[in-house]
Structure formats: structure tokens, C-alpha cells
Amino acid sequence: MARYEDEDGGPRYGQRLSPEELAAYLREQEEASQADRPGRADRPDRAGRADRSAGAERADRGGRPHAVDGGLSEDDPYARRVDASPASPAQTAPAAPPVSGASPGRRRRRWRTLVVGLLLLLLVPGVMTVSAVTMVLDGSLAGGAVLAEDGTVYLEKGTTSALYSAKVSASTQDCTVTGPDGAELVVDRSVEGASYASFTASQTGTHTVTCPQGTAEVVIGPPMNLSRVPLASMLVMGAVVIGLAGLVVTVIGIMRLRR
């Protein structure tokens, strides 16, 4: 006798069912389990709501008023509305990538910075320096000339000239000047603290300059107005300061252009 059968030949545990009875039993168990699941009773209501929402959306696309959640009409300001209109190309298009490089206005400002720097570096100091020299030389910009070994120079009558030394430590106040007729001219040595002498040509012609140290390093040119030297010195110092500022601005302008 099998261990799973009793003395009568029946199953020791449970009851043996035919295939038809087994299928009916499984069907009853499935229905019972479905009835016991929570929230099962409200599914038809949810399906109905989904159908109503789909119908409302189709009515909205057709341009007709429709009822929305809770039975509210389209005219109700508190009703929730769904914009089913297709998005415009401007809304769907991706954002344009940023444009590389500086704008024209910014690039013009960078060029302007460079131009201002060059003006402050070259033009303004040059004008101030020339003004200082002109002020000291009484408005005369005539260049000086280095005398030769013989010390001769051609001068017009009435021309006032000064004798300068190329060496800072040397002085020309001991020099003498002879006119075309061989007569010695009066040399003005009355300027205190100056290392130069001046004279005025009495005739037109070749004049001869004689100095104890020789004339190879003597320069003849227009006389200086020493009373204007302090003001001229201030102009020169201002030119140096402005030139340095112009150098800084120029470097900044070049760096901005290279970005």
C-alpha cells in the first residue's frame, strides 16, 4: 500500500478531483482573490474618468467648449485647461550657440584704448618737449653747429649766438670771437651760473672763435633764456610722466586686442 493512500485506496491527504472539477475550483479561487484586492471597486470609475478626460481633450482640439475635471465648463476661470495647440517653431527650435569673438562696439573701444595710449606715449610728450625747448631758446628752433678745429663760422649781421661746450664740466666763457675785419667782438659773460658765453655779429661774414681748450667740442647756437628754465623743466617732467602713462595704456590696449 502506498504511503499516500489509505486502506480504502483513496488519497490520504485531500480529495482527488477530476480535471473538470479542478478547473472549476481554480476559477472560484481566482474570483475570490480578485474580490479581496483593495481599490478594485473604484477601477471602473477611474476608467470612466480617463474616458471623459480623453473626450474633453478631443473636444478642445476641435475648438468646442468642453467639460473638464469636476464638470466645470471652459468658461469657468477656475477650470484647468490643457493647451493642445502644436508648439511653434520658435518654441521647439534649440537655442542658438553663443557667438564667439568680441562685438564690433567692444572691438572699437579696444582700438580706441590703443590709439589713446600711443597719443599719450608719443605725441603729447613730443609737443611738450618742443615747447620747453622753444621757450628756453626764445622761440628759435635753429639747430646748433659744432665748430671745426679752426673755429670758423659764417654769421649774418645782427645775429646773436651763444657758445656751448659739448662737455658738461667745460665752460666757454673764456672764448673770444673775431669778426670778418679781424676786430674782436664783445662777448657777454654776465650770466651768472651759466657755462656759456654769447655775442652778436657786427658784420656779415666769417667769424673766428678761439678757446683755450680748442673748438673741436664747442657748439654755436641760439642763446638761452635762463629765466624760463624752471618752467621748461616742469614741462619736460610732465612730458616724462605722461609718456609713462601712455606706455601703460598702450600695453593694456595691445593686450585687449589680442584677446
C-alpha atoms as a PDB file:
ATOM      1  CA  MET A   1       0.000   0.000   0.000  1.00  0.00           C
ATOM      2  CA  ALA A   2       1.322   3.423  -0.970  1.00  0.00           C
ATOM      3  CA  ARG A   3       2.103   5.819   1.832  1.00  0.00           C
ATOM      4  CA  TYR A   4      -0.156   8.456   0.272  1.00  0.00           C
ATOM      5  CA  GLU A   5      -3.254   6.191   0.147  1.00  0.00           C
ATOM      6  CA  ASP A   6      -5.469   4.968   2.946  1.00  0.00           C
ATOM      7  CA  GLU A   7      -6.797   1.416   3.473  1.00  0.00           C
ATOM      8  CA  ASP A   8      -9.691   2.025   1.074  1.00  0.00           C
ATOM      9  CA  GLY A   9      -7.335   3.103  -1.747  1.00  0.00           C
ATOM     10  CA  GLY A  10      -8.300   6.763  -1.513  1.00  0.00           C
ATOM     11  CA  PRO A  11      -5.862   9.667  -1.099  1.00  0.00           C
ATOM     12  CA  ARG A  12      -4.563  10.026   2.439  1.00  0.00           C
ATOM     13  CA  TYR A  13      -4.483  13.873   2.174  1.00  0.00           C
ATOM     14  CA  GLY A  14      -7.265  15.865   0.461  1.00  0.00           C
ATOM     15  CA  GLN A  15      -9.680  14.707  -2.157  1.00  0.00           C
ATOM     16  CA  ARG A  16      -8.928  13.615  -5.682  1.00  0.00           C
ATOM     17  CA  LEU A  17     -10.666  15.836  -8.301  1.00  0.00           C
ATOM     18  CA  SER A  18     -11.380  15.271 -11.903  1.00  0.00           C
ATOM     19  CA  PRO A  19      -9.940  17.729 -14.469  1.00  0.00           C
ATOM     20  CA  GLU A  20     -13.320  19.493 -14.815  1.00  0.00           C
ATOM     21  CA  GLU A  21     -13.669  19.876 -11.072  1.00  0.00           C
ATOM     22  CA  LEU A  22     -10.063  21.127 -10.754  1.00  0.00           C
ATOM     23  CA  ALA A  23     -10.657  23.824 -13.396  1.00  0.00           C
ATOM     24  CA  ALA A  24     -13.887  24.968 -11.653  1.00  0.00           C
ATOM     25  CA  TYR A  25     -12.062  25.060  -8.319  1.00  0.00           C
ATOM     26  CA  LEU A  26      -9.200  27.203  -9.675  1.00  0.00           C
ATOM     27  CA  ARG A  27     -11.672  29.608 -11.279  1.00  0.00           C
ATOM     28  CA  GLU A  28     -13.507  30.084  -7.976  1.00  0.00           C
ATOM     29  CA  GLN A  29     -10.195  30.737  -6.180  1.00  0.00           C
ATOM     30  CA  GLU A  30      -9.175  33.394  -8.743  1.00  0.00           C
ATOM     31  CA  GLU A  31     -12.513  35.208  -8.465  1.00  0.00           C
ATOM     32  CA  ALA A  32     -12.297  35.189  -4.690  1.00  0.00           C
ATOM     33  CA  SER A  33      -8.741  36.631  -4.735  1.00  0.00           C
ATOM     34  CA  GLN A  34      -9.772  39.392  -7.128  1.00  0.00           C
ATOM     35  CA  ALA A  35     -12.731  40.318  -4.918  1.00  0.00           C
ATOM     36  CA  ASP A  36     -10.415  40.569  -1.868  1.00  0.00           C
ATOM     37  CA  ARG A  37      -7.915  43.062  -3.513  1.00  0.00           C
ATOM     38  CA  PRO A  38      -8.281  46.694  -2.153  1.00  0.00           C
ATOM     39  CA  GLY A  39      -9.251  49.502  -4.574  1.00  0.00           C
ATOM     40  CA  ARG A  40     -10.689  47.085  -7.040  1.00  0.00           C
ATOM     41  CA  ALA A  41     -14.181  48.536  -6.780  1.00  0.00           C
ATOM     42  CA  ASP A  42     -13.216  52.050  -7.921  1.00  0.00           C
ATOM     43  CA  ARG A  43     -11.450  50.946 -11.110  1.00  0.00           C
ATOM     44  CA  PRO A  44     -14.499  51.373 -13.318  1.00  0.00           C
ATOM     45  CA  ASP A  45     -14.872  54.921 -12.006  1.00  0.00           C
ATOM     46  CA  ARG A  46     -11.228  55.687 -12.866  1.00  0.00           C
ATOM     47  CA  ALA A  47     -11.646  54.243 -16.302  1.00  0.00           C
ATOM     48  CA  GLY A  48     -14.693  56.439 -16.766  1.00  0.00           C
ATOM     49  CA  ARG A  49     -12.735  59.491 -15.729  1.00  0.00           C
ATOM     50  CA  ALA A  50      -9.972  58.644 -18.181  1.00  0.00           C
ATOM     51  CA  ASP A  51     -12.545  58.293 -20.951  1.00  0.00           C
ATOM     52  CA  ARG A  52     -14.096  61.625 -20.017  1.00  0.00           C
ATOM     53  CA  SER A  53     -10.672  63.344 -19.991  1.00  0.00           C
ATOM     54  CA  ALA A  54      -9.804  61.913 -23.412  1.00  0.00           C
ATOM     55  CA  GLY A  55     -13.139  63.097 -24.745  1.00  0.00           C
ATOM     56  CA  ALA A  56     -12.598  66.563 -23.278  1.00  0.00           C
ATOM     57  CA  GLU A  57      -9.178  66.798 -24.920  1.00  0.00           C
ATOM     58  CA  ARG A  58     -10.645  65.772 -28.287  1.00  0.00           C
ATOM     59  CA  ALA A  59     -13.362  68.415 -27.881  1.00  0.00           C
ATOM     60  CA  ASP A  60     -10.706  71.044 -27.064  1.00  0.00           C
ATOM     61  CA  ARG A  61      -8.747  70.234 -30.216  1.00  0.00           C
ATOM     62  CA  GLY A  62     -11.927  70.670 -32.228  1.00  0.00           C
ATOM     63  CA  GLY A  63     -12.330  74.216 -30.888  1.00  0.00           C
ATOM     64  CA  ARG A  64     -15.596  73.491 -28.947  1.00  0.00           C
ATOM     65  CA  PRO A  65     -16.273  74.174 -25.260  1.00  0.00           C
ATOM     66  CA  HIS A  66     -15.901  71.087 -23.148  1.00  0.00           C
ATOM     67  CA  ALA A  67     -16.362  69.983 -19.586  1.00  0.00           C
ATOM     68  CA  VAL A  68     -13.191  69.485 -17.571  1.00  0.00           C
ATOM     69  CA  ASP A  69     -12.472  67.950 -14.177  1.00  0.00           C
ATOM     70  CA  GLY A  70     -15.420  68.101 -11.855  1.00  0.00           C
ATOM     71  CA  GLY A  71     -17.869  69.035 -14.627  1.00  0.00           C
ATOM     72  CA  LEU A  72     -16.587  72.643 -14.943  1.00  0.00           C
ATOM     73  CA  SER A  73     -17.077  74.320 -18.300  1.00  0.00           C
ATOM     74  CA  GLU A  74     -14.418  76.100 -20.365  1.00  0.00           C
ATOM     75  CA  ASP A  75     -15.842  79.486 -19.376  1.00  0.00           C
ATOM     76  CA  ASP A  76     -15.097  78.805 -15.733  1.00  0.00           C
ATOM     77  CA  PRO A  77     -11.910  80.754 -14.787  1.00  0.00           C
ATOM     78  CA  TYR A  78     -11.040  78.116 -12.195  1.00  0.00           C
ATOM     79  CA  ALA A  79     -11.183  75.249 -14.619  1.00  0.00           C
ATOM     80  CA  ARG A  80      -7.941  73.608 -15.679  1.00  0.00           C
ATOM     81  CA  ARG A  81      -7.294  73.965 -19.373  1.00  0.00           C
ATOM     82  CA  VAL A  82      -4.891  71.961 -21.499  1.00  0.00           C
ATOM     83  CA  ASP A  83      -3.261  73.749 -24.437  1.00  0.00           C
ATOM     84  CA  ALA A  84      -3.276  71.148 -27.162  1.00  0.00           C
ATOM     85  CA  SER A  85      -2.112  73.533 -29.893  1.00  0.00           C
ATOM     86  CA  PRO A  86       1.109  72.472 -31.563  1.00  0.00           C
ATOM     87  CA  ALA A  87       4.253  74.270 -30.422  1.00  0.00           C
ATOM     88  CA  SER A  88       5.573  76.979 -32.699  1.00  0.00           C
ATOM     89  CA  PRO A  89       8.971  76.545 -34.425  1.00  0.00           C
ATOM     90  CA  ALA A  90      10.417  79.291 -32.230  1.00  0.00           C
ATOM     91  CA  GLN A  91       9.470  77.298 -29.116  1.00  0.00           C
ATOM     92  CA  THR A  92      10.748  73.968 -30.362  1.00  0.00           C
ATOM     93  CA  ALA A  93      13.907  75.215 -32.040  1.00  0.00           C
ATOM     94  CA  PRO A  94      17.092  74.732 -29.974  1.00  0.00           C
ATOM     95  CA  ALA A  95      18.794  77.786 -28.593  1.00  0.00           C
ATOM     96  CA  ALA A  96      21.418  79.293 -30.852  1.00  0.00           C
ATOM     97  CA  PRO A  97      25.003  78.776 -29.691  1.00  0.00           C
ATOM     98  CA  PRO A  98      26.775  81.858 -28.340  1.00  0.00           C
ATOM     99  CA  VAL A  99      28.670  83.831 -30.930  1.00  0.00           C
ATOM    100  CA  SER A 100      32.383  83.762 -30.342  1.00  0.00           C
ATOM    101  CA  GLY A 101      34.524  86.864 -30.582  1.00  0.00           C
ATOM    102  CA  ALA A 102      34.018  90.448 -29.453  1.00  0.00           C
ATOM    103  CA  SER A 103      31.217  92.622 -30.708  1.00  0.00           C
ATOM    104  CA  PRO A 104      32.071  95.472 -33.121  1.00  0.00           C
ATOM    105  CA  GLY A 105      31.433  98.080 -30.432  1.00  0.00           C
ATOM    106  CA  ARG A 106      33.741  96.376 -27.963  1.00  0.00           C
ATOM    107  CA  ARG A 107      36.457  95.984 -30.597  1.00  0.00           C
ATOM    108  CA  ARG A 108      36.225  99.675 -31.448  1.00  0.00           C
ATOM    109  CA  ARG A 109      36.708 100.520 -27.772  1.00  0.00           C
ATOM    110  CA  ARG A 110      39.809  98.318 -27.698  1.00  0.00           C
ATOM    111  CA  TRP A 111      41.276 100.141 -30.705  1.00  0.00           C
ATOM    112  CA  ARG A 112      40.386 103.435 -29.044  1.00  0.00           C
ATOM    113  CA  THR A 113      42.375 102.441 -25.960  1.00  0.00           C
ATOM    114  CA  LEU A 114      45.417 101.649 -28.099  1.00  0.00           C
ATOM    115  CA  VAL A 115      45.170 104.927 -30.023  1.00  0.00           C
ATOM    116  CA  VAL A 116      44.869 106.958 -26.812  1.00  0.00           C
ATOM    117  CA  GLY A 117      47.894 105.172 -25.394  1.00  0.00           C
ATOM    118  CA  LEU A 118      50.007 105.927 -28.470  1.00  0.00           C
ATOM    119  CA  LEU A 119      48.985 109.587 -28.355  1.00  0.00           C
ATOM    120  CA  LEU A 120      49.990 109.838 -24.706  1.00  0.00           C
ATOM    121  CA  LEU A 121      53.223 107.959 -25.356  1.00  0.00           C
ATOM    122  CA  LEU A 122      54.473 109.785 -28.463  1.00  0.00           C
ATOM    123  CA  LEU A 123      52.550 112.865 -29.487  1.00  0.00           C
ATOM    124  CA  VAL A 124      51.871 114.671 -26.201  1.00  0.00           C
ATOM    125  CA  PRO A 125      55.405 114.279 -24.727  1.00  0.00           C
ATOM    126  CA  GLY A 126      56.937 115.354 -28.044  1.00  0.00           C
ATOM    127  CA  VAL A 127      54.835 118.512 -28.196  1.00  0.00           C
ATOM    128  CA  MET A 128      55.619 119.371 -24.571  1.00  0.00           C
ATOM    129  CA  THR A 129      59.357 118.844 -25.081  1.00  0.00           C
ATOM    130  CA  VAL A 130      59.450 121.010 -28.195  1.00  0.00           C
ATOM    131  CA  SER A 131      57.502 123.710 -26.339  1.00  0.00           C
ATOM    132  CA  ALA A 132      60.004 123.639 -23.482  1.00  0.00           C
ATOM    133  CA  VAL A 133      62.987 123.965 -25.838  1.00  0.00           C
ATOM    134  CA  THR A 134      61.289 126.769 -27.782  1.00  0.00           C
ATOM    135  CA  MET A 135      60.529 128.590 -24.557  1.00  0.00           C
ATOM    136  CA  VAL A 136      64.138 128.452 -23.393  1.00  0.00           C
ATOM    137  CA  LEU A 137      65.540 129.469 -26.791  1.00  0.00           C
ATOM    138  CA  ASP A 138      63.191 132.466 -27.163  1.00  0.00           C
ATOM    139  CA  GLY A 139      61.185 130.796 -29.902  1.00  0.00           C
ATOM    140  CA  SER A 140      64.190 129.883 -32.073  1.00  0.00           C
ATOM    141  CA  LEU A 141      64.465 126.250 -33.135  1.00  0.00           C
ATOM    142  CA  ALA A 142      67.578 126.749 -35.257  1.00  0.00           C
ATOM    143  CA  GLY A 143      69.954 123.903 -34.645  1.00  0.00           C
ATOM    144  CA  GLY A 144      73.408 124.381 -33.271  1.00  0.00           C
ATOM    145  CA  ALA A 145      76.568 123.550 -35.193  1.00  0.00           C
ATOM    146  CA  VAL A 146      79.787 122.052 -33.921  1.00  0.00           C
ATOM    147  CA  LEU A 147      82.807 124.213 -34.740  1.00  0.00           C
ATOM    148  CA  ALA A 148      85.783 122.755 -36.557  1.00  0.00           C
ATOM    149  CA  GLU A 149      89.371 122.869 -35.411  1.00  0.00           C
ATOM    150  CA  ASP A 150      89.829 126.325 -36.952  1.00  0.00           C
ATOM    151  CA  GLY A 151      86.709 127.650 -35.146  1.00  0.00           C
ATOM    152  CA  THR A 152      85.259 129.485 -38.156  1.00  0.00           C
ATOM    153  CA  VAL A 153      81.525 130.080 -38.679  1.00  0.00           C
ATOM    154  CA  TYR A 154      79.533 132.207 -41.129  1.00  0.00           C
ATOM    155  CA  LEU A 155      77.052 134.606 -39.482  1.00  0.00           C
ATOM    156  CA  GLU A 156      74.668 137.311 -40.639  1.00  0.00           C
ATOM    157  CA  LYS A 157      74.953 140.832 -39.257  1.00  0.00           C
ATOM    158  CA  GLY A 158      72.931 141.277 -36.057  1.00  0.00           C
ATOM    159  CA  THR A 159      72.703 137.559 -35.301  1.00  0.00           C
ATOM    160  CA  THR A 160      73.020 136.759 -31.594  1.00  0.00           C
ATOM    161  CA  SER A 161      74.713 133.427 -30.935  1.00  0.00           C
ATOM    162  CA  ALA A 162      75.937 131.528 -27.914  1.00  0.00           C
ATOM    163  CA  LEU A 163      78.921 129.233 -27.427  1.00  0.00           C
ATOM    164  CA  TYR A 164      78.265 125.937 -25.642  1.00  0.00           C
ATOM    165  CA  SER A 165      80.586 123.124 -24.688  1.00  0.00           C
ATOM    166  CA  ALA A 166      79.805 119.508 -25.524  1.00  0.00           C
ATOM    167  CA  LYS A 167      81.226 118.582 -22.115  1.00  0.00           C
ATOM    168  CA  VAL A 168      79.087 119.376 -19.106  1.00  0.00           C
ATOM    169  CA  SER A 169      82.057 120.287 -16.946  1.00  0.00           C
ATOM    170  CA  ALA A 170      83.677 122.602 -19.542  1.00  0.00           C
ATOM    171  CA  SER A 171      82.922 126.308 -19.963  1.00  0.00           C
ATOM    172  CA  THR A 172      83.113 128.614 -22.971  1.00  0.00           C
ATOM    173  CA  GLN A 173      83.226 131.923 -21.075  1.00  0.00           C
ATOM    174  CA  ASP A 174      86.960 132.182 -21.751  1.00  0.00           C
ATOM    175  CA  CYS A 175      86.495 132.054 -25.534  1.00  0.00           C
ATOM    176  CA  THR A 176      86.991 135.072 -27.822  1.00  0.00           C
ATOM    177  CA  VAL A 177      85.349 135.897 -31.157  1.00  0.00           C
ATOM    178  CA  THR A 178      86.912 137.783 -34.070  1.00  0.00           C
ATOM    179  CA  GLY A 179      84.852 139.407 -36.836  1.00  0.00           C
ATOM    180  CA  PRO A 180      85.470 139.332 -40.618  1.00  0.00           C
ATOM    181  CA  ASP A 181      87.566 142.503 -40.331  1.00  0.00           C
ATOM    182  CA  GLY A 182      89.799 140.964 -37.652  1.00  0.00           C
ATOM    183  CA  ALA A 183      88.318 143.039 -34.835  1.00  0.00           C
ATOM    184  CA  GLU A 184      87.462 141.251 -31.600  1.00  0.00           C
ATOM    185  CA  LEU A 185      83.776 141.220 -30.705  1.00  0.00           C
ATOM    186  CA  VAL A 186      82.321 141.831 -27.286  1.00  0.00           C
ATOM    187  CA  VAL A 187      81.466 138.520 -25.600  1.00  0.00           C
ATOM    188  CA  ASP A 188      78.740 138.617 -22.966  1.00  0.00           C
ATOM    189  CA  ARG A 189      79.800 136.673 -19.860  1.00  0.00           C
ATOM    190  CA  SER A 190      77.423 138.364 -17.459  1.00  0.00           C
ATOM    191  CA  VAL A 191      75.035 135.432 -16.994  1.00  0.00           C
ATOM    192  CA  GLU A 192      75.789 134.066 -13.543  1.00  0.00           C
ATOM    193  CA  GLY A 193      75.809 130.318 -13.113  1.00  0.00           C
ATOM    194  CA  ALA A 194      75.949 129.711 -16.859  1.00  0.00           C
ATOM    195  CA  SER A 195      78.768 127.887 -18.582  1.00  0.00           C
ATOM    196  CA  TYR A 196      78.302 129.591 -21.941  1.00  0.00           C
ATOM    197  CA  ALA A 197      79.029 132.991 -23.498  1.00  0.00           C
ATOM    198  CA  SER A 198      77.080 134.902 -26.126  1.00  0.00           C
ATOM    199  CA  PHE A 199      77.889 137.572 -28.703  1.00  0.00           C
ATOM    200  CA  THR A 200      76.244 139.498 -31.558  1.00  0.00           C
ATOM    201  CA  ALA A 201      77.745 139.597 -35.052  1.00  0.00           C
ATOM    202  CA  SER A 202      78.514 143.180 -36.133  1.00  0.00           C
ATOM    203  CA  GLN A 203      79.095 142.262 -39.777  1.00  0.00           C
ATOM    204  CA  THR A 204      78.067 139.603 -42.209  1.00  0.00           C
ATOM    205  CA  GLY A 205      80.832 137.142 -42.944  1.00  0.00           C
ATOM    206  CA  THR A 206      83.076 134.518 -41.458  1.00  0.00           C
ATOM    207  CA  HIS A 207      83.772 134.815 -37.753  1.00  0.00           C
ATOM    208  CA  THR A 208      86.536 133.008 -35.873  1.00  0.00           C
ATOM    209  CA  VAL A 209      86.103 131.563 -32.388  1.00  0.00           C
ATOM    210  CA  THR A 210      89.160 130.898 -30.212  1.00  0.00           C
ATOM    211  CA  CYS A 211      89.018 128.949 -26.944  1.00  0.00           C
ATOM    212  CA  PRO A 212      91.790 127.820 -24.547  1.00  0.00           C
ATOM    213  CA  GLN A 213      90.674 124.168 -24.766  1.00  0.00           C
ATOM    214  CA  GLY A 214      90.190 124.328 -28.533  1.00  0.00           C
ATOM    215  CA  THR A 215      86.985 124.494 -30.577  1.00  0.00           C
ATOM    216  CA  ALA A 216      86.605 120.808 -31.546  1.00  0.00           C
ATOM    217  CA  GLU A 217      83.934 120.357 -28.850  1.00  0.00           C
ATOM    218  CA  VAL A 218      82.365 123.827 -28.969  1.00  0.00           C
ATOM    219  CA  VAL A 219      78.819 124.227 -30.252  1.00  0.00           C
ATOM    220  CA  ILE A 220      77.434 127.529 -31.541  1.00  0.00           C
ATOM    221  CA  GLY A 221      73.695 128.091 -31.461  1.00  0.00           C
ATOM    222  CA  PRO A 222      70.897 130.429 -30.314  1.00  0.00           C
ATOM    223  CA  PRO A 223      71.183 131.823 -26.761  1.00  0.00           C
ATOM    224  CA  MET A 224      69.079 130.529 -23.872  1.00  0.00           C
ATOM    225  CA  ASN A 225      66.631 132.466 -21.719  1.00  0.00           C
ATOM    226  CA  LEU A 226      67.558 131.205 -18.257  1.00  0.00           C
ATOM    227  CA  SER A 227      64.529 132.814 -16.644  1.00  0.00           C
ATOM    228  CA  ARG A 228      62.341 130.291 -18.436  1.00  0.00           C
ATOM    229  CA  VAL A 229      64.368 127.243 -17.495  1.00  0.00           C
ATOM    230  CA  PRO A 230      62.274 126.336 -14.407  1.00  0.00           C
ATOM    231  CA  LEU A 231      59.041 126.371 -16.413  1.00  0.00           C
ATOM    232  CA  ALA A 232      60.665 124.415 -19.214  1.00  0.00           C
ATOM    233  CA  SER A 233      61.917 121.861 -16.690  1.00  0.00           C
ATOM    234  CA  MET A 234      58.366 121.371 -15.411  1.00  0.00           C
ATOM    235  CA  LEU A 235      57.166 120.803 -18.963  1.00  0.00           C
ATOM    236  CA  VAL A 236      59.853 118.186 -19.529  1.00  0.00           C
ATOM    237  CA  MET A 237      58.983 116.393 -16.299  1.00  0.00           C
ATOM    238  CA  GLY A 238      55.286 116.445 -17.233  1.00  0.00           C
ATOM    239  CA  ALA A 239      56.179 115.000 -20.624  1.00  0.00           C
ATOM    240  CA  VAL A 240      58.002 112.113 -18.934  1.00  0.00           C
ATOM    241  CA  VAL A 241      55.057 111.349 -16.629  1.00  0.00           C
ATOM    242  CA  ILE A 242      52.534 111.469 -19.465  1.00  0.00           C
ATOM    243  CA  GLY A 243      54.791 109.273 -21.574  1.00  0.00           C
ATOM    244  CA  LEU A 244      54.889 106.615 -18.845  1.00  0.00           C
ATOM    245  CA  ALA A 245      51.098 106.737 -18.523  1.00  0.00           C
ATOM    246  CA  GLY A 246      50.820 106.400 -22.288  1.00  0.00           C
ATOM    247  CA  LEU A 247      53.081 103.350 -22.188  1.00  0.00           C
ATOM    248  CA  VAL A 248      50.799 101.652 -19.653  1.00  0.00           C
ATOM    249  CA  VAL A 249      47.653 102.470 -21.663  1.00  0.00           C
ATOM    250  CA  THR A 250      49.315 101.214 -24.853  1.00  0.00           C
ATOM    251  CA  VAL A 251      50.217  97.880 -23.250  1.00  0.00           C
ATOM    252  CA  ILE A 252      46.627  97.499 -21.977  1.00  0.00           C
ATOM    253  CA  GLY A 253      45.264  98.259 -25.448  1.00  0.00           C
ATOM    254  CA  ILE A 254      47.543  95.658 -27.060  1.00  0.00           C
ATOM    255  CA  MET A 255      46.526  93.013 -24.510  1.00  0.00           C
ATOM    256  CA  ARG A 256      42.834  93.704 -25.141  1.00  0.00           C
ATOM    257  CA  LEU A 257      43.296  93.399 -28.887  1.00  0.00           C
ATOM    258  CA  ARG A 258      44.996  90.021 -28.501  1.00  0.00           C
ATOM    259  CA  ARG A 259      42.037  88.529 -26.601  1.00  0.00           C
END
